[in-house]
Protein backbone atom coordinates (compact mmCIF):
# COMPACT_ATOMS: atom_id res chain seq x y z
CA UNK A 1 15.73 -1.76 4.92
CA UNK A 2 16.78 0.19 7.53
CA UNK A 3 17.04 3.25 5.34
CA UNK A 4 14.43 2.74 2.09
CA UNK A 5 11.10 3.91 2.35
CA UNK A 6 10.14 1.00 -0.02
CA UNK A 7 9.93 -2.36 0.63
CA UNK A 8 13.38 -3.95 -0.98
CA UNK A 9 12.65 -6.91 -3.20
CA UNK A 10 15.55 -10.31 -3.52
CA UNK A 11 16.60 -8.73 -6.44
CA UNK A 12 17.10 -4.96 -5.26
CA UNK A 13 19.18 -6.53 -2.20
CA UNK A 14 21.18 -9.32 -4.64
CA UNK A 15 22.02 -5.86 -7.04
CA UNK A 16 22.89 -3.73 -4.01
CA UNK A 17 24.81 -6.24 -1.80
CA UNK A 18 26.15 -9.10 -4.74
CA UNK A 19 25.15 -12.24 -1.93
CA UNK A 20 23.23 -14.82 -4.48
CA UNK A 21 19.60 -15.06 -3.72
CA UNK A 22 19.05 -17.73 -1.86
CA UNK A 23 21.76 -16.31 0.58
CA UNK A 24 19.60 -13.29 0.77
CA UNK A 25 16.50 -15.10 1.40
CA UNK A 26 17.95 -17.04 4.07
CA UNK A 27 19.11 -14.16 5.97
CA UNK A 28 16.22 -12.43 5.41
CA UNK A 29 14.32 -15.67 6.81
CA UNK A 30 16.74 -15.58 9.89
CA UNK A 31 16.34 -12.27 10.66
CA UNK A 32 12.18 -12.48 10.82
CA UNK A 33 12.58 -15.47 12.81
CA UNK A 34 14.76 -13.42 15.39
CA UNK A 35 12.85 -10.68 15.31
CA UNK A 36 9.93 -12.81 15.95
CA UNK A 37 11.03 -14.18 19.08
CA UNK A 38 12.46 -11.22 20.83
CA UNK A 39 11.41 -8.10 22.19
CA UNK A 40 12.23 -5.55 19.62
CA UNK A 41 9.93 -3.06 18.81
CA UNK A 42 10.39 -3.50 14.95
CA UNK A 43 10.28 -6.38 12.43
CA UNK A 44 10.51 -7.27 8.82
CA UNK A 45 7.00 -7.22 6.49
CA UNK A 46 6.49 -8.69 3.12
CA UNK A 47 4.80 -6.74 1.39
CA UNK A 48 4.14 -6.04 -2.18
CA UNK A 49 6.64 -8.49 -3.45
CA UNK A 50 9.36 -6.99 -1.22
CA UNK A 51 10.71 -6.75 2.35
CA UNK A 52 10.28 -3.66 5.04
CA UNK A 53 11.10 -2.96 8.52
CA UNK A 54 8.15 -1.85 10.48
CA UNK A 55 7.41 -1.06 13.85
CA UNK A 56 5.40 -4.02 15.64
CA UNK A 57 1.74 -3.02 16.08
CA UNK A 58 1.77 -2.81 19.97
CA UNK A 59 4.66 -0.46 19.60
CA UNK A 60 2.64 1.45 16.87
CA UNK A 61 1.23 4.29 19.39
CA UNK A 62 4.50 6.00 20.21
CA UNK A 63 5.21 6.18 16.57
CA UNK A 64 1.95 8.16 15.85
CA UNK A 65 2.91 10.30 18.30
CA UNK A 66 6.21 11.08 16.43
CA UNK A 67 5.01 11.17 12.87
CA UNK A 68 1.61 13.58 13.99
CA UNK A 69 2.26 15.95 11.79
CA UNK A 70 2.93 13.75 8.82
CA UNK A 71 -0.32 13.99 6.74
CA UNK A 72 -1.28 10.56 5.08
CA UNK A 73 -3.27 10.71 1.77
CA UNK A 74 -6.80 10.64 2.01
CA UNK A 75 -8.57 8.35 0.04
CA UNK A 76 -12.39 9.47 -1.06
CA UNK A 77 -15.26 7.01 -1.19
CA UNK A 78 -15.30 7.38 -4.80
CA UNK A 79 -11.78 6.42 -4.98
CA UNK A 80 -11.67 3.53 -2.65
CA UNK A 81 -15.07 2.29 -4.72
CA UNK A 82 -12.92 2.51 -7.96
CA UNK A 83 -9.88 0.96 -6.91
CA UNK A 84 -11.85 -1.46 -5.60
CA UNK A 85 -13.30 -2.37 -8.24
CA UNK A 86 -9.95 -1.94 -10.47
CA UNK A 87 -8.25 -4.10 -8.03
CA UNK A 88 -10.85 -7.13 -8.44
CA UNK A 89 -11.23 -6.37 -12.18
CA UNK A 90 -8.17 -5.75 -13.52
CA UNK A 91 -6.91 -4.87 -15.69
CA UNK A 92 -10.28 -3.09 -16.82
CA UNK A 93 -11.24 0.18 -18.78
CA UNK A 94 -12.81 3.42 -17.74
CA UNK A 95 -15.83 2.44 -19.30
CA UNK A 96 -16.20 -0.37 -17.71
CA UNK A 97 -15.32 1.03 -14.45
CA UNK A 98 -18.10 3.47 -15.09
CA UNK A 99 -20.69 0.61 -16.19
CA UNK A 100 -20.07 -0.58 -12.91
CA UNK A 101 -19.77 2.63 -10.42
CA UNK A 102 -22.88 4.16 -12.17
CA UNK A 103 -21.14 7.40 -12.38
CA UNK A 104 -18.27 9.58 -14.41
CA UNK A 105 -15.08 8.68 -12.95
CA UNK A 106 -12.72 10.31 -15.07
CA UNK A 107 -11.51 12.78 -12.34
CA UNK A 108 -11.03 9.86 -9.92
CA UNK A 109 -8.98 8.13 -12.44
CA UNK A 110 -6.66 11.12 -13.26
CA UNK A 111 -5.99 11.81 -9.39
CA UNK A 112 -5.55 7.85 -8.57
CA UNK A 113 -3.05 8.13 -11.65
CA UNK A 114 -1.26 11.10 -10.21
CA UNK A 115 -0.50 9.11 -6.39
CA UNK A 116 0.26 6.10 -8.30
CA UNK A 117 -2.02 3.81 -6.85
CA UNK A 118 -2.70 2.77 -10.25
CA UNK A 119 -0.85 2.64 -13.52
CA UNK A 120 -1.67 2.08 -17.37
CA UNK A 121 -1.29 -1.45 -18.16
CA UNK A 122 -2.05 -1.17 -22.05
CA UNK A 123 -5.10 -0.81 -24.50
CA UNK A 124 -7.91 -3.06 -24.94
CA UNK A 125 -7.94 -5.09 -27.92
CA UNK A 126 -11.67 -3.62 -29.15
CA UNK A 127 -12.77 -0.48 -31.12
CA UNK A 128 -11.57 2.82 -29.80
CA UNK A 129 -8.39 0.46 -28.07
CA UNK A 130 -9.50 1.91 -24.81
CA UNK A 131 -7.13 2.23 -22.16
CA UNK A 132 -6.42 -0.49 -19.45
CA UNK A 133 -5.87 -0.02 -15.63
CA UNK A 134 -4.47 -2.20 -13.05
CA UNK A 135 -3.11 -1.36 -9.24
CA UNK A 136 0.57 -0.42 -8.41
CA UNK A 137 2.59 -1.72 -5.86
CA UNK A 138 1.49 1.47 -3.71
CA UNK A 139 -1.94 0.40 -3.81
CA UNK A 140 -0.49 -3.06 -1.88
CA UNK A 141 1.82 -0.90 0.14
CA UNK A 142 -1.21 1.56 1.27
CA UNK A 143 -3.46 -1.13 2.22
CA UNK A 144 -0.67 -3.36 3.73
CA UNK A 145 -0.93 -6.52 1.17
CA UNK A 146 1.89 -8.89 -0.39
CA UNK A 147 0.18 -9.44 -3.54
CA UNK A 148 -3.35 -8.60 -5.34
CA UNK A 149 -4.10 -12.10 -4.51
CA UNK A 150 -4.30 -11.44 -0.54
CA UNK A 151 -7.67 -9.33 -1.22
CA UNK A 152 -10.45 -10.90 0.25
CA UNK A 153 -12.94 -12.91 -2.07
CA UNK A 154 -15.99 -10.99 -2.85
CA UNK A 155 -17.96 -14.16 -1.59
CA UNK A 156 -16.16 -12.95 1.84
CA UNK A 157 -16.98 -9.93 2.23
CA UNK A 158 -20.65 -10.66 1.34
CA UNK A 159 -21.48 -8.57 -2.01
CA UNK A 160 -23.55 -9.51 -4.64
């Protein structure tokens, strides 16, 4: 986990180490418990179906100083709106997204695909067979979610 930029799944750790999956889960849970109780500046986060080593929030200001020169991908308001629509309605077509947003979103979709926040998940079985879109693990990682079901419910955020 220390050298991986992406979360490692139990399956991937199994492929790398040869350890049994139950043993891997036990070790990870022990590490999570140990790191929680001491003064180390890092912990193991469960995110996007895997595990990732990261800085504890109390130490983040120092990490920010170190990484000031690394620009994080900025998401426009249009892209954020489109991502939210996809996340809550996936799989969804471009026309369905545009019906909700009220504007053309072809360019936004291309940009989200380019940055791997969304992926093509197939074609809808209707006239024209339009492309279906879903969010990716990159979306989960960027927004700090373990899984899509961790998104707040629409009723919780006050949207009609």
